[in-house]
Amino acid sequence: MRLRMLDHTADVGFEVEAGSLAALFEGAAKGLLEVMFEGPLEAESGDERRLRLEAESLETLLVRWLDELAYLVQTRGEVPLGTEVSLDHTPAGWRLEARLATVPFDRVANRFAGEVKAATYHGLEIEQTGGRYRARVILDV
């Protein structure tokens, strides 16, 4: 998995590249945490949370995924340091099921860099090239 932060005039963005869709969504979660926290957060033991989301398109599913993770951090006080994602194509679109290893916000609060309002559709891209997946995401901060 490869992650690259993007310069953007008003918001914050990143690109992530991975060998599978599941790894792409896991990488996007890491990108979100890099925006929200200073320096990489190390996985440590914590609580487990399961999450299930559905959407008509991969792009909408990615936005919902990132918005749900931001909600967990900023509203519920749960920081997902580890994510294990599975994706399925359904007749109605896409389904994501994830297992998250979360820690309480207060364990990493000293590294909090700022809130993310939402993932946006502006500039959002998901594409497959040569067996690899790439996503470009802009976050409203």
N, C-alpha and C. Protein backbone atom coordinates (compact mmCIF):
# COMPACT_ATOMS: atom_id res chain seq x y z
N MET A 1 0.85 -1.17 0.00
CA MET A 1 0.00 0.00 0.00
C MET A 1 0.89 1.23 0.00
N ARG A 2 0.51 2.22 -0.78
CA ARG A 2 1.26 3.48 -0.87
C ARG A 2 0.30 4.61 -0.58
N LEU A 3 0.74 5.57 0.26
CA LEU A 3 -0.07 6.72 0.63
C LEU A 3 0.75 7.98 0.37
N ARG A 4 0.11 8.98 -0.29
CA ARG A 4 0.78 10.25 -0.57
C ARG A 4 -0.17 11.39 -0.24
N MET A 5 0.28 12.32 0.61
CA MET A 5 -0.53 13.47 0.98
C MET A 5 -0.50 14.47 -0.17
N LEU A 6 -1.63 15.19 -0.37
CA LEU A 6 -1.77 16.14 -1.46
C LEU A 6 -1.89 17.56 -0.92
N ASP A 7 -1.31 18.51 -1.63
CA ASP A 7 -1.51 19.92 -1.31
C ASP A 7 -2.83 20.35 -1.94
N HIS A 8 -3.61 21.11 -1.20
CA HIS A 8 -4.89 21.60 -1.71
C HIS A 8 -5.10 22.98 -1.10
N THR A 9 -5.67 23.90 -1.86
CA THR A 9 -5.76 25.29 -1.41
C THR A 9 -6.61 25.48 -0.16
N ALA A 10 -7.73 24.80 -0.03
CA ALA A 10 -8.63 25.06 1.10
C ALA A 10 -8.80 23.86 2.01
N ASP A 11 -8.55 22.67 1.51
CA ASP A 11 -8.80 21.46 2.28
C ASP A 11 -7.53 20.62 2.32
N VAL A 12 -7.66 19.39 2.73
CA VAL A 12 -6.54 18.46 2.80
C VAL A 12 -6.88 17.25 1.96
N GLY A 13 -5.92 16.74 1.23
CA GLY A 13 -6.19 15.58 0.40
C GLY A 13 -5.08 14.56 0.48
N PHE A 14 -5.39 13.37 -0.03
CA PHE A 14 -4.38 12.33 -0.14
C PHE A 14 -4.74 11.38 -1.26
N GLU A 15 -3.73 10.67 -1.74
CA GLU A 15 -3.92 9.59 -2.68
C GLU A 15 -3.45 8.31 -2.00
N VAL A 16 -4.13 7.24 -2.26
CA VAL A 16 -3.74 5.95 -1.72
C VAL A 16 -3.78 4.95 -2.86
N GLU A 17 -2.82 4.04 -2.87
CA GLU A 17 -2.75 3.00 -3.88
C GLU A 17 -2.55 1.66 -3.18
N ALA A 18 -3.24 0.64 -3.67
CA ALA A 18 -3.15 -0.68 -3.03
C ALA A 18 -3.47 -1.77 -4.04
N GLY A 19 -3.16 -2.99 -3.66
CA GLY A 19 -3.37 -4.14 -4.53
C GLY A 19 -4.76 -4.70 -4.53
N SER A 20 -5.61 -4.24 -3.62
CA SER A 20 -7.00 -4.71 -3.57
C SER A 20 -7.89 -3.56 -3.10
N LEU A 21 -9.19 -3.70 -3.36
CA LEU A 21 -10.13 -2.68 -2.87
C LEU A 21 -10.13 -2.61 -1.36
N ALA A 22 -10.09 -3.78 -0.70
CA ALA A 22 -10.09 -3.78 0.77
C ALA A 22 -8.87 -3.03 1.30
N ALA A 23 -7.71 -3.29 0.73
CA ALA A 23 -6.49 -2.60 1.17
C ALA A 23 -6.56 -1.11 0.85
N LEU A 24 -7.24 -0.75 -0.24
CA LEU A 24 -7.42 0.66 -0.58
C LEU A 24 -8.22 1.37 0.50
N PHE A 25 -9.32 0.77 0.95
CA PHE A 25 -10.15 1.37 2.00
C PHE A 25 -9.39 1.40 3.33
N GLU A 26 -8.60 0.39 3.62
CA GLU A 26 -7.78 0.40 4.83
C GLU A 26 -6.74 1.52 4.75
N GLY A 27 -6.14 1.71 3.57
CA GLY A 27 -5.18 2.79 3.38
C GLY A 27 -5.82 4.16 3.50
N ALA A 28 -7.06 4.29 3.02
CA ALA A 28 -7.77 5.57 3.16
C ALA A 28 -8.01 5.89 4.64
N ALA A 29 -8.30 4.87 5.44
CA ALA A 29 -8.46 5.08 6.89
C ALA A 29 -7.17 5.61 7.50
N LYS A 30 -6.03 5.07 7.06
CA LYS A 30 -4.74 5.56 7.55
C LYS A 30 -4.51 7.00 7.12
N GLY A 31 -4.89 7.32 5.88
CA GLY A 31 -4.76 8.69 5.40
C GLY A 31 -5.57 9.66 6.25
N LEU A 32 -6.79 9.28 6.58
CA LEU A 32 -7.64 10.11 7.44
C LEU A 32 -6.98 10.34 8.78
N LEU A 33 -6.44 9.28 9.39
CA LEU A 33 -5.78 9.42 10.69
C LEU A 33 -4.53 10.29 10.60
N GLU A 34 -3.82 10.24 9.47
CA GLU A 34 -2.65 11.10 9.31
C GLU A 34 -3.04 12.57 9.26
N VAL A 35 -4.23 12.85 8.76
CA VAL A 35 -4.72 14.23 8.74
C VAL A 35 -5.14 14.65 10.14
N MET A 36 -5.78 13.75 10.87
CA MET A 36 -6.34 14.09 12.18
C MET A 36 -5.32 14.09 13.31
N PHE A 37 -4.23 13.34 13.15
CA PHE A 37 -3.25 13.20 14.22
C PHE A 37 -1.84 13.47 13.70
N GLU A 38 -1.00 14.03 14.55
CA GLU A 38 0.39 14.30 14.19
C GLU A 38 1.19 13.03 14.33
N GLY A 39 1.86 12.65 13.26
CA GLY A 39 2.68 11.45 13.26
C GLY A 39 1.84 10.20 13.19
N PRO A 40 2.44 9.10 12.78
CA PRO A 40 1.69 7.85 12.68
C PRO A 40 1.30 7.33 14.06
N LEU A 41 0.13 6.78 14.16
CA LEU A 41 -0.35 6.19 15.40
C LEU A 41 -0.06 4.69 15.35
N GLU A 42 0.55 4.20 16.37
CA GLU A 42 0.89 2.78 16.43
C GLU A 42 -0.30 1.98 16.92
N ALA A 43 -0.50 0.83 16.30
CA ALA A 43 -1.58 -0.07 16.74
C ALA A 43 -1.22 -0.61 18.11
N GLU A 44 -2.19 -0.61 18.97
CA GLU A 44 -2.01 -1.17 20.30
C GLU A 44 -3.32 -1.85 20.68
N SER A 45 -3.28 -2.61 21.74
CA SER A 45 -4.50 -3.34 22.12
C SER A 45 -5.60 -2.35 22.48
N GLY A 46 -6.79 -2.74 22.18
CA GLY A 46 -7.94 -1.89 22.45
C GLY A 46 -9.22 -2.67 22.28
N ASP A 47 -10.29 -1.94 22.16
CA ASP A 47 -11.60 -2.57 21.97
C ASP A 47 -11.79 -2.91 20.50
N GLU A 48 -12.69 -3.85 20.27
CA GLU A 48 -13.03 -4.19 18.90
C GLU A 48 -14.43 -3.69 18.60
N ARG A 49 -14.57 -3.11 17.42
CA ARG A 49 -15.86 -2.62 16.95
C ARG A 49 -16.06 -3.16 15.54
N ARG A 50 -17.28 -3.53 15.25
CA ARG A 50 -17.63 -3.97 13.89
C ARG A 50 -18.47 -2.89 13.24
N LEU A 51 -18.30 -2.76 11.94
CA LEU A 51 -18.98 -1.71 11.19
C LEU A 51 -19.44 -2.29 9.87
N ARG A 52 -20.65 -1.92 9.46
CA ARG A 52 -21.19 -2.36 8.18
C ARG A 52 -21.83 -1.17 7.48
N LEU A 53 -21.43 -0.94 6.24
CA LEU A 53 -21.95 0.17 5.45
C LEU A 53 -22.31 -0.34 4.05
N GLU A 54 -23.29 0.32 3.44
CA GLU A 54 -23.68 -0.02 2.07
C GLU A 54 -23.84 1.26 1.27
N ALA A 55 -23.59 1.14 -0.04
CA ALA A 55 -23.76 2.28 -0.94
C ALA A 55 -23.91 1.77 -2.36
N GLU A 56 -24.47 2.64 -3.21
CA GLU A 56 -24.68 2.27 -4.61
C GLU A 56 -23.39 2.25 -5.41
N SER A 57 -22.38 3.04 -5.01
CA SER A 57 -21.12 3.11 -5.75
C SER A 57 -19.94 3.03 -4.79
N LEU A 58 -18.78 2.67 -5.34
CA LEU A 58 -17.57 2.64 -4.52
C LEU A 58 -17.22 4.02 -3.99
N GLU A 59 -17.42 5.04 -4.80
CA GLU A 59 -17.10 6.41 -4.37
C GLU A 59 -17.95 6.82 -3.17
N THR A 60 -19.25 6.54 -3.23
CA THR A 60 -20.12 6.87 -2.10
C THR A 60 -19.75 6.04 -0.88
N LEU A 61 -19.39 4.80 -1.09
CA LEU A 61 -18.99 3.95 0.03
C LEU A 61 -17.72 4.48 0.68
N LEU A 62 -16.77 4.94 -0.10
CA LEU A 62 -15.54 5.50 0.46
C LEU A 62 -15.82 6.75 1.28
N VAL A 63 -16.70 7.63 0.78
CA VAL A 63 -17.07 8.83 1.53
C VAL A 63 -17.75 8.43 2.83
N ARG A 64 -18.68 7.51 2.79
CA ARG A 64 -19.37 7.07 4.02
C ARG A 64 -18.40 6.45 5.01
N TRP A 65 -17.47 5.65 4.52
CA TRP A 65 -16.45 5.00 5.35
C TRP A 65 -15.63 6.05 6.10
N LEU A 66 -15.11 7.01 5.37
CA LEU A 66 -14.27 8.03 6.01
C LEU A 66 -15.08 8.91 6.95
N ASP A 67 -16.30 9.25 6.57
CA ASP A 67 -17.16 10.04 7.45
C ASP A 67 -17.49 9.28 8.73
N GLU A 68 -17.73 7.99 8.62
CA GLU A 68 -18.03 7.18 9.81
C GLU A 68 -16.82 7.11 10.74
N LEU A 69 -15.63 6.97 10.17
CA LEU A 69 -14.42 6.93 11.00
C LEU A 69 -14.19 8.27 11.69
N ALA A 70 -14.40 9.38 10.97
CA ALA A 70 -14.26 10.71 11.60
C ALA A 70 -15.28 10.87 12.72
N TYR A 71 -16.50 10.39 12.51
CA TYR A 71 -17.54 10.44 13.55
C TYR A 71 -17.10 9.65 14.79
N LEU A 72 -16.54 8.47 14.57
CA LEU A 72 -16.09 7.66 15.71
C LEU A 72 -15.05 8.41 16.54
N VAL A 73 -14.12 9.07 15.87
CA VAL A 73 -13.07 9.79 16.58
C VAL A 73 -13.62 11.01 17.29
N GLN A 74 -14.33 11.85 16.56
CA GLN A 74 -14.70 13.18 17.04
C GLN A 74 -15.95 13.21 17.90
N THR A 75 -16.83 12.24 17.74
CA THR A 75 -18.08 12.25 18.51
C THR A 75 -18.12 11.15 19.56
N ARG A 76 -17.66 9.97 19.18
CA ARG A 76 -17.72 8.84 20.12
C ARG A 76 -16.43 8.65 20.92
N GLY A 77 -15.36 9.35 20.51
CA GLY A 77 -14.11 9.24 21.25
C GLY A 77 -13.41 7.91 21.08
N GLU A 78 -13.59 7.28 19.91
CA GLU A 78 -12.96 5.99 19.62
C GLU A 78 -12.05 6.16 18.41
N VAL A 79 -10.77 5.88 18.57
CA VAL A 79 -9.81 6.05 17.48
C VAL A 79 -9.49 4.68 16.89
N PRO A 80 -9.81 4.48 15.60
CA PRO A 80 -9.57 3.18 14.96
C PRO A 80 -8.12 3.04 14.50
N LEU A 81 -7.28 2.46 15.35
CA LEU A 81 -5.87 2.33 14.99
C LEU A 81 -5.62 1.16 14.06
N GLY A 82 -6.52 0.21 14.03
CA GLY A 82 -6.38 -0.92 13.13
C GLY A 82 -7.69 -1.18 12.42
N THR A 83 -7.64 -1.42 11.12
CA THR A 83 -8.85 -1.71 10.36
C THR A 83 -8.63 -2.95 9.52
N GLU A 84 -9.64 -3.79 9.47
CA GLU A 84 -9.64 -4.96 8.61
C GLU A 84 -10.95 -4.91 7.83
N VAL A 85 -10.85 -4.68 6.53
CA VAL A 85 -12.01 -4.41 5.69
C VAL A 85 -12.27 -5.55 4.72
N SER A 86 -13.54 -5.85 4.49
CA SER A 86 -13.94 -6.72 3.38
C SER A 86 -15.03 -5.99 2.61
N LEU A 87 -14.97 -6.14 1.28
CA LEU A 87 -15.93 -5.49 0.39
C LEU A 87 -16.60 -6.55 -0.47
N ASP A 88 -17.89 -6.36 -0.70
CA ASP A 88 -18.64 -7.26 -1.57
C ASP A 88 -19.48 -6.44 -2.52
N HIS A 89 -19.53 -6.89 -3.77
CA HIS A 89 -20.43 -6.28 -4.74
C HIS A 89 -21.79 -6.94 -4.56
N THR A 90 -22.83 -6.15 -4.42
CA THR A 90 -24.19 -6.67 -4.20
C THR A 90 -25.07 -6.22 -5.36
N PRO A 91 -26.28 -6.78 -5.48
CA PRO A 91 -27.18 -6.31 -6.53
C PRO A 91 -27.51 -4.83 -6.41
N ALA A 92 -27.48 -4.28 -5.20
CA ALA A 92 -27.80 -2.86 -4.99
C ALA A 92 -26.57 -1.97 -5.03
N GLY A 93 -25.38 -2.54 -5.12
CA GLY A 93 -24.16 -1.73 -5.13
C GLY A 93 -23.01 -2.42 -4.44
N TRP A 94 -22.57 -1.83 -3.32
CA TRP A 94 -21.41 -2.34 -2.57
C TRP A 94 -21.71 -2.39 -1.08
N ARG A 95 -21.10 -3.38 -0.42
CA ARG A 95 -21.22 -3.51 1.04
C ARG A 95 -19.81 -3.62 1.61
N LEU A 96 -19.58 -2.85 2.68
CA LEU A 96 -18.32 -2.89 3.41
C LEU A 96 -18.59 -3.44 4.80
N GLU A 97 -17.78 -4.38 5.20
CA GLU A 97 -17.80 -4.86 6.58
C GLU A 97 -16.39 -4.69 7.12
N ALA A 98 -16.29 -4.13 8.31
CA ALA A 98 -14.97 -3.85 8.86
C ALA A 98 -14.92 -4.24 10.33
N ARG A 99 -13.74 -4.67 10.70
CA ARG A 99 -13.43 -4.90 12.10
C ARG A 99 -12.39 -3.86 12.48
N LEU A 100 -12.69 -3.07 13.49
CA LEU A 100 -11.83 -1.98 13.91
C LEU A 100 -11.25 -2.28 15.29
N ALA A 101 -9.98 -2.01 15.45
CA ALA A 101 -9.35 -2.04 16.77
C ALA A 101 -9.28 -0.59 17.22
N THR A 102 -10.06 -0.24 18.23
CA THR A 102 -10.15 1.15 18.66
C THR A 102 -9.53 1.35 20.04
N VAL A 103 -9.04 2.55 20.25
CA VAL A 103 -8.57 2.96 21.57
C VAL A 103 -9.30 4.24 21.94
N PRO A 104 -9.46 4.50 23.23
CA PRO A 104 -10.10 5.75 23.64
C PRO A 104 -9.29 6.97 23.18
N PHE A 105 -10.01 8.00 22.79
CA PHE A 105 -9.39 9.23 22.28
C PHE A 105 -8.36 9.78 23.26
N ASP A 106 -8.64 9.71 24.55
CA ASP A 106 -7.73 10.32 25.52
C ASP A 106 -6.33 9.69 25.50
N ARG A 107 -6.19 8.48 24.97
CA ARG A 107 -4.87 7.85 24.88
C ARG A 107 -3.98 8.53 23.84
N VAL A 108 -4.60 9.18 22.85
CA VAL A 108 -3.82 9.82 21.77
C VAL A 108 -4.17 11.29 21.60
N ALA A 109 -4.92 11.85 22.55
CA ALA A 109 -5.40 13.24 22.44
C ALA A 109 -4.26 14.24 22.30
N ASN A 110 -3.11 13.96 22.89
CA ASN A 110 -1.97 14.89 22.80
C ASN A 110 -1.41 14.99 21.38
N ARG A 111 -1.82 14.09 20.48
CA ARG A 111 -1.35 14.11 19.10
C ARG A 111 -2.42 14.59 18.12
N PHE A 112 -3.58 14.99 18.66
CA PHE A 112 -4.70 15.42 17.80
C PHE A 112 -4.34 16.71 17.09
N ALA A 113 -4.46 16.72 15.75
CA ALA A 113 -4.08 17.89 14.95
C ALA A 113 -5.27 18.74 14.56
N GLY A 114 -6.47 18.19 14.59
CA GLY A 114 -7.64 18.97 14.23
C GLY A 114 -8.75 18.13 13.63
N GLU A 115 -9.93 18.72 13.62
CA GLU A 115 -11.11 18.01 13.15
C GLU A 115 -11.18 17.93 11.64
N VAL A 116 -11.84 16.89 11.18
CA VAL A 116 -12.21 16.74 9.77
C VAL A 116 -13.72 16.83 9.72
N LYS A 117 -14.23 17.79 8.95
CA LYS A 117 -15.69 17.95 8.84
C LYS A 117 -16.30 16.80 8.06
N ALA A 118 -15.69 16.48 6.91
CA ALA A 118 -16.25 15.42 6.08
C ALA A 118 -15.32 15.08 4.93
N ALA A 119 -15.47 13.87 4.42
CA ALA A 119 -14.87 13.52 3.13
C ALA A 119 -15.77 14.15 2.06
N THR A 120 -15.17 14.59 0.97
CA THR A 120 -15.96 15.26 -0.06
C THR A 120 -15.96 14.45 -1.35
N TYR A 121 -16.88 14.82 -2.22
CA TYR A 121 -16.91 14.23 -3.55
C TYR A 121 -16.05 15.04 -4.53
N HIS A 122 -15.58 16.20 -4.09
CA HIS A 122 -14.75 17.06 -4.93
C HIS A 122 -13.44 16.34 -5.25
N GLY A 123 -13.19 16.09 -6.52
CA GLY A 123 -11.95 15.44 -6.93
C GLY A 123 -11.86 13.98 -6.58
N LEU A 124 -12.91 13.41 -6.06
CA LEU A 124 -12.89 12.01 -5.63
C LEU A 124 -12.74 11.10 -6.84
N GLU A 125 -11.78 10.21 -6.77
CA GLU A 125 -11.55 9.25 -7.85
C GLU A 125 -11.20 7.91 -7.25
N ILE A 126 -11.73 6.85 -7.84
CA ILE A 126 -11.27 5.49 -7.58
C ILE A 126 -11.09 4.85 -8.94
N GLU A 127 -9.89 4.33 -9.18
CA GLU A 127 -9.65 3.69 -10.45
C GLU A 127 -8.76 2.46 -10.28
N GLN A 128 -8.88 1.55 -11.25
CA GLN A 128 -8.05 0.36 -11.27
C GLN A 128 -7.19 0.41 -12.51
N THR A 129 -5.89 0.21 -12.32
CA THR A 129 -4.95 0.19 -13.43
C THR A 129 -3.94 -0.92 -13.19
N GLY A 130 -3.87 -1.83 -14.12
CA GLY A 130 -2.86 -2.88 -14.03
C GLY A 130 -2.93 -3.71 -12.76
N GLY A 131 -4.14 -4.02 -12.31
CA GLY A 131 -4.29 -4.85 -11.12
C GLY A 131 -4.12 -4.11 -9.80
N ARG A 132 -3.92 -2.80 -9.84
CA ARG A 132 -3.81 -2.01 -8.62
C ARG A 132 -4.92 -0.99 -8.59
N TYR A 133 -5.31 -0.60 -7.39
CA TYR A 133 -6.38 0.38 -7.20
C TYR A 133 -5.78 1.65 -6.66
N ARG A 134 -6.35 2.78 -7.10
CA ARG A 134 -5.89 4.09 -6.63
C ARG A 134 -7.10 4.94 -6.31
N ALA A 135 -7.02 5.68 -5.20
CA ALA A 135 -8.08 6.61 -4.83
C ALA A 135 -7.46 7.96 -4.52
N ARG A 136 -8.19 9.01 -4.87
CA ARG A 136 -7.83 10.39 -4.54
C ARG A 136 -8.96 10.94 -3.71
N VAL A 137 -8.64 11.48 -2.54
CA VAL A 137 -9.65 11.94 -1.59
C VAL A 137 -9.31 13.35 -1.12
N ILE A 138 -10.31 14.20 -1.06
CA ILE A 138 -10.18 15.54 -0.48
C ILE A 138 -11.09 15.59 0.76
N LEU A 139 -10.53 16.05 1.87
CA LEU A 139 -11.26 16.17 3.13
C LEU A 139 -11.54 17.64 3.44
N ASP A 140 -12.73 17.93 3.86
CA ASP A 140 -13.10 19.27 4.32
C ASP A 140 -12.69 19.38 5.77
N VAL A 141 -11.75 20.31 6.05
CA VAL A 141 -11.24 20.47 7.42
C VAL A 141 -11.62 21.81 8.00
